Protein backbone atom coordinates (compact mmCIF):
# COMPACT_ATOMS: atom_id res chain seq x y z
CA MET A 1 129.81 97.22 66.37
CA THR A 2 127.38 99.59 68.22
CA ASP A 3 126.30 98.73 72.09
CA ASN A 4 122.94 98.28 72.53
CA GLN A 5 121.95 101.01 75.05
CA ILE A 6 118.96 99.65 77.64
CA SER A 7 117.08 101.51 80.35
CA PHE A 8 118.28 100.49 83.78
CA LYS A 9 117.07 101.01 87.22
CA GLN A 10 118.26 100.25 90.88
CA VAL A 11 115.41 100.44 93.42
CA ASP A 12 115.54 99.72 96.70
CA VAL A 13 112.94 97.76 98.32
CA PHE A 14 111.22 97.71 101.56
CA THR A 15 112.45 100.95 102.86
CA LYS A 16 112.25 104.55 102.77
CA VAL A 17 115.54 105.35 103.30
CA LYS A 18 117.70 104.80 100.62
CA TYR A 19 120.42 102.24 100.97
CA LYS A 20 118.38 100.63 104.02
CA GLY A 21 116.57 98.02 102.11
CA ASN A 22 116.95 95.25 99.27
CA PRO A 23 118.11 96.49 96.02
CA VAL A 24 116.68 95.08 92.90
CA ALA A 25 118.39 95.51 89.63
CA VAL A 26 115.39 96.01 86.72
CA ILE A 27 116.25 96.09 83.22
CA LEU A 28 113.52 97.57 81.44
CA ASP A 29 113.69 96.32 77.81
CA GLY A 30 114.08 92.60 78.37
CA ASP A 31 112.49 91.50 75.02
CA SER A 32 115.97 92.82 73.38
CA LEU A 33 118.10 90.30 75.18
CA THR A 34 118.52 86.80 75.15
CA ASP A 35 118.63 84.13 77.90
CA SER A 36 122.44 84.04 77.80
CA GLN A 37 122.68 87.76 78.22
CA MET A 38 120.20 87.82 81.05
CA HIS A 39 121.95 85.32 82.96
CA ASP A 40 125.52 87.39 82.53
CA ILE A 41 123.83 90.55 83.59
CA ALA A 42 122.76 88.87 86.83
CA ASN A 43 125.70 87.18 87.38
CA TRP A 44 127.15 90.59 86.98
CA THR A 45 124.82 92.79 89.18
CA HIS A 46 125.26 89.90 91.67
CA LEU A 47 122.62 91.16 93.64
CA SER A 48 119.98 88.65 95.44
CA GLU A 49 117.84 89.43 92.17
CA THR A 50 117.90 90.95 88.54
CA THR A 51 114.73 91.38 86.72
CA PHE A 52 113.72 91.94 83.24
CA VAL A 53 110.66 93.80 82.38
CA CYS A 54 109.17 92.35 78.83
CA GLN A 55 106.00 92.48 77.01
CA PRO A 56 103.23 90.16 78.36
CA THR A 57 101.71 87.38 76.83
CA ASP A 58 98.39 87.56 78.89
CA PRO A 59 95.98 90.27 78.04
CA GLU A 60 95.27 90.54 81.64
CA ALA A 61 98.94 91.47 82.46
CA ASP A 62 100.50 95.03 82.36
CA PHE A 63 103.90 93.48 81.80
CA ARG A 64 105.47 90.25 82.07
CA LEU A 65 108.78 89.97 84.60
CA ARG A 66 112.13 87.43 84.47
CA ILE A 67 113.65 86.94 87.68
CA PHE A 68 117.04 85.66 88.00
CA THR A 69 119.44 85.24 90.94
CA PRO A 70 123.33 85.27 90.20
CA GLU A 71 122.60 81.28 89.76
CA SER A 72 119.37 80.51 88.26
CA GLU A 73 115.98 81.84 87.06
CA LEU A 74 112.94 82.03 89.59
CA PRO A 75 109.27 81.81 88.61
CA PHE A 76 108.52 84.44 91.23
CA ALA A 77 109.72 86.36 93.92
CA GLY A 78 108.64 89.07 96.14
CA HIS A 79 111.01 91.93 96.69
CA PRO A 80 111.64 91.75 92.78
CA THR A 81 107.82 92.17 92.17
CA ILE A 82 107.81 95.19 94.25
CA GLY A 83 110.72 96.70 92.87
CA SER A 84 110.44 96.32 89.49
CA THR A 85 106.66 97.59 89.97
CA GLN A 86 107.89 100.86 91.24
CA ALA A 87 110.03 100.76 88.24
CA VAL A 88 107.83 100.58 85.59
CA LEU A 89 105.34 102.81 86.88
CA GLU A 90 108.14 105.40 87.13
CA ASN A 91 108.85 104.63 83.55
CA GLY A 92 105.30 105.69 82.63
CA LEU A 93 103.32 102.50 82.85
CA VAL A 94 99.41 103.14 83.43
CA PRO A 95 98.27 100.18 84.47
CA LYS A 96 95.06 98.65 82.82
CA HIS A 97 92.92 98.37 85.99
CA ASP A 98 91.76 100.96 88.24
CA GLY A 99 94.42 100.88 91.96
CA PHE A 100 96.68 97.72 90.86
CA ALA A 101 98.78 96.10 88.51
CA VAL A 102 98.91 92.77 87.19
CA MET A 103 102.44 91.25 86.57
CA GLU A 104 102.90 87.86 84.86
CA CYS A 105 105.74 85.61 85.40
CA GLY A 106 106.23 82.09 85.71
CA GLN A 107 104.25 81.45 88.63
CA GLY A 108 101.33 82.87 86.72
CA LEU A 109 99.56 86.39 86.81
CA VAL A 110 100.31 88.33 90.45
CA LYS A 111 98.03 91.28 91.22
CA ILE A 112 100.39 94.30 93.00
CA TYR A 113 97.77 97.07 94.79
CA ILE A 114 99.06 100.43 94.46
CA ASN A 115 98.16 102.27 97.80
CA ASP A 116 100.08 106.07 97.88
CA SER A 117 103.59 105.61 98.36
CA GLU A 118 103.30 101.64 99.21
CA LEU A 119 102.93 98.43 96.84
CA TYR A 120 101.43 95.19 98.20
CA LEU A 121 101.45 92.07 95.78
CA THR A 122 98.93 89.30 96.35
CA LEU A 123 100.84 86.47 97.46
CA PRO A 124 100.19 83.11 95.32
CA ASN A 125 98.23 80.44 96.74
CA PRO A 126 100.71 78.60 98.91
CA GLN A 127 101.45 74.62 99.21
CA LEU A 128 102.39 73.56 103.08
CA VAL A 129 104.14 70.71 104.03
CA ASP A 130 105.20 69.51 107.40
CA LEU A 131 108.93 69.17 108.02
CA SER A 132 109.89 65.88 109.46
CA GLU A 133 112.03 65.37 112.91
CA SER A 134 114.96 64.48 110.48
CA LYS A 135 114.96 67.39 108.39
CA LEU A 136 114.39 69.72 111.20
CA ASN A 137 117.45 68.03 113.00
CA GLN A 138 119.49 68.58 109.79
CA LEU A 139 118.55 72.37 109.22
CA SER A 140 118.92 73.28 113.05
CA GLN A 141 122.46 71.78 112.82
CA SER A 142 123.16 74.07 109.42
CA LEU A 143 121.87 77.18 111.62
CA GLU A 144 123.80 76.05 114.19
CA VAL A 145 120.61 76.39 116.87
CA TYR A 146 119.07 73.89 119.19
CA MET A 147 116.23 71.78 118.22
CA SER A 148 114.38 73.04 121.39
CA ASP A 149 114.98 76.68 119.67
CA ILE A 150 112.54 75.67 117.09
CA LYS A 151 109.06 75.82 117.74
CA LEU A 152 107.61 75.46 114.35
CA GLY A 153 108.96 74.17 110.78
CA TYR A 154 107.33 74.10 107.36
CA GLN A 155 108.37 73.51 103.79
CA ILE A 156 106.39 76.43 102.13
CA ASN A 157 106.14 77.07 98.20
CA VAL A 158 104.66 80.53 97.11
CA GLY A 159 106.34 80.27 93.70
CA ALA A 160 109.58 80.13 95.55
CA THR A 161 109.79 77.47 98.08
CA TRP A 162 111.50 78.24 101.44
CA TYR A 163 112.05 75.90 104.34
CA THR A 164 110.18 78.19 107.07
CA LEU A 165 111.06 77.90 110.86
CA GLU A 166 110.05 79.96 113.99
CA LEU A 167 112.38 80.16 116.54
CA LYS A 168 111.44 81.15 120.12
CA ASP A 169 112.26 84.31 119.76
CA ALA A 170 113.92 87.48 117.80
CA GLN A 171 116.81 87.31 119.64
CA SER A 172 117.34 83.81 118.65
CA VAL A 173 117.08 84.81 114.84
CA LEU A 174 119.67 87.58 115.32
CA ASP A 175 122.25 85.26 117.16
CA CYS A 176 121.94 82.35 114.44
CA SER A 177 125.25 82.21 112.68
CA PRO A 178 124.97 79.53 110.22
CA ASP A 179 127.20 77.16 108.55
CA PHE A 180 126.85 77.87 104.94
CA GLU A 181 128.53 74.86 103.69
CA LYS A 182 126.53 72.53 105.40
CA MET A 183 123.55 74.34 104.53
CA SER A 184 124.44 74.14 101.05
CA SER A 185 124.34 69.93 101.54
CA VAL A 186 120.94 70.17 103.53
CA ILE A 187 118.95 72.26 100.78
CA PRO A 188 117.90 70.29 97.86
CA LYS A 189 117.59 71.33 94.39
CA GLY A 190 114.12 73.42 93.86
CA ILE A 191 114.15 74.73 97.46
CA THR A 192 115.37 78.26 97.48
CA GLY A 193 116.57 78.41 101.05
CA ILE A 194 115.72 78.89 104.88
CA THR A 195 113.90 81.37 106.18
CA ILE A 196 113.84 82.05 109.81
CA PHE A 197 111.60 84.16 112.28
CA GLY A 198 111.08 85.23 115.91
CA SER A 199 108.70 86.97 117.99
CA GLN A 200 109.61 90.68 118.68
CA SER A 201 109.72 91.73 122.32
CA GLN A 202 107.10 93.56 123.80
CA GLY A 203 107.55 97.46 123.32
CA SER A 204 108.96 97.01 119.56
CA ASP A 205 107.72 98.88 116.47
CA THR A 206 107.69 95.60 114.97
CA ASP A 207 106.18 91.98 115.22
CA PHE A 208 108.65 89.47 113.98
CA GLU A 209 112.39 89.46 113.35
CA VAL A 210 112.97 87.29 110.12
CA ARG A 211 116.35 86.49 108.28
CA SER A 212 116.56 84.31 104.78
CA PHE A 213 119.27 82.17 103.67
CA ALA A 214 119.86 81.05 99.91
CA PRO A 215 123.66 79.90 99.61
CA ASN A 216 123.06 77.72 96.52
CA GLU A 217 121.35 80.67 94.39
CA GLY A 218 124.51 82.42 95.05
CA VAL A 219 122.93 84.63 98.19
CA GLU A 220 124.18 83.62 101.62
CA GLU A 221 121.75 85.69 103.31
CA ASP A 222 119.03 88.09 101.57
CA PRO A 223 118.94 91.52 103.01
CA VAL A 224 114.92 91.74 102.93
CA CYS A 225 113.04 88.91 101.22
CA GLY A 226 109.43 89.08 100.17
CA SER A 227 109.24 85.42 99.08
CA GLY A 228 110.61 84.41 102.62
CA ASN A 229 108.35 86.90 104.37
CA GLY A 230 105.35 85.52 102.58
CA CYS A 231 106.17 82.17 103.86
CA VAL A 232 106.07 83.61 107.08
CA ALA A 233 102.87 85.12 106.60
CA VAL A 234 101.35 81.66 105.80
CA VAL A 235 102.53 80.62 109.06
CA VAL A 236 101.46 83.43 111.14
CA GLN A 237 97.80 82.91 109.66
CA LYS A 238 98.12 79.09 109.73
CA ASP A 239 98.91 78.70 113.45
CA SER A 240 97.03 81.86 114.58
CA LEU A 241 100.39 83.49 115.80
CA LEU A 242 98.74 87.19 116.13
CA ASN A 243 94.92 88.03 116.58
CA ARG A 244 94.76 90.78 114.01
CA ASP A 245 94.72 90.67 110.55
CA HIS A 246 98.05 92.91 109.73
CA TYR A 247 101.61 93.22 111.31
CA ILE A 248 104.87 94.44 110.40
CA ALA A 249 108.48 92.21 110.29
CA ARG A 250 111.95 93.93 110.18
CA GLN A 251 114.59 92.25 108.14
CA GLY A 252 118.23 92.86 107.57
CA THR A 253 119.27 94.13 110.62
CA CYS A 254 122.59 91.80 110.84
CA LEU A 255 123.63 93.11 107.17
CA GLY A 256 123.60 96.95 108.16
CA ARG A 257 119.62 97.24 106.61
CA ASN A 258 116.35 98.11 107.96
CA GLY A 259 113.91 96.72 106.02
CA ARG A 260 110.25 96.70 106.87
CA VAL A 261 107.72 94.17 105.48
CA LYS A 262 103.97 94.88 106.00
CA VAL A 263 101.44 91.83 105.98
CA GLN A 264 97.56 92.52 105.51
CA PHE A 265 95.08 89.43 105.93
CA SER A 266 91.87 89.43 104.08
CA ASP A 267 89.33 86.70 103.54
CA LYS A 268 90.74 85.45 100.13
CA ASP A 269 94.39 86.88 100.21
CA ILE A 270 97.80 87.66 101.89
CA LEU A 271 99.15 90.81 100.76
CA VAL A 272 102.75 91.30 101.27
CA GLY A 273 104.57 94.74 100.62
CA GLY A 274 105.77 98.11 101.79
CA SER A 275 107.78 101.15 100.30
CA ALA A 276 110.27 101.35 97.52
CA VAL A 277 112.64 104.00 96.41
CA THR A 278 114.79 104.27 93.22
CA CYS A 279 118.76 104.72 93.70
CA ILE A 280 120.16 104.30 90.58
CA ASN A 281 118.45 105.50 87.44
CA GLY A 282 120.63 105.10 83.79
CA ASP A 283 121.28 102.94 81.17
CA ILE A 284 123.46 99.64 80.60
CA TYR A 285 125.06 98.78 76.99
CA ILE A 286 125.33 95.20 75.58
């Protein structure tokens, strides 16, 4: 029996420096695979996400994307959107629209702006709920931080749903040492995980330190998380944490990465983006 040869890229996202961002595996002919094969490949790559590029069903879209963690399929995720768009552009995609591509996913249509060497996704319309005192207490115990260190806490759905907590400062974020067994028990089905962030000290070249934890998705700590940073952006805007329309967040420090996530606010949208660079270009065999 002859193996089926399928084009494959591994793209490092939210970095200009190879191996310092968050990799996503991109399979460029997803239509040739079954759901079971997609799950098997995502479990094998064991990256935070593996994506499968398919033909769109919506005439407005340039491509359709299916997104898998090692454990499940997601309707939307940030860094896979950026990395997969980089991959299809390198593979010769010419977008239907000038200056942006349109991706179809489980969440609907997502617009990705193409700005020189950077890509910016339009964050899906967020749904935000305040977290109760009892839930914050559960989360603080799983994170092993004091309740007094938590300044803000929300459940935010941007296609992926994150418990999103602002801690007192960036150092508190870096010092956090979660109990992942306990964390798994306090994250119910339907919630991707917990994202924490804190303001950097004066003089830093970034504005916030971010970390994202998703143990129930097979990823204890996501190196640089687009949807998690999207949730942070929602909080920054809602609670007026900055007095300007853009900022840069750093993520991945505790994992030896150096990701940079850029956020821009407009009257209508939150844009989340940055750079991406391809590290592997070849084929896989099914």
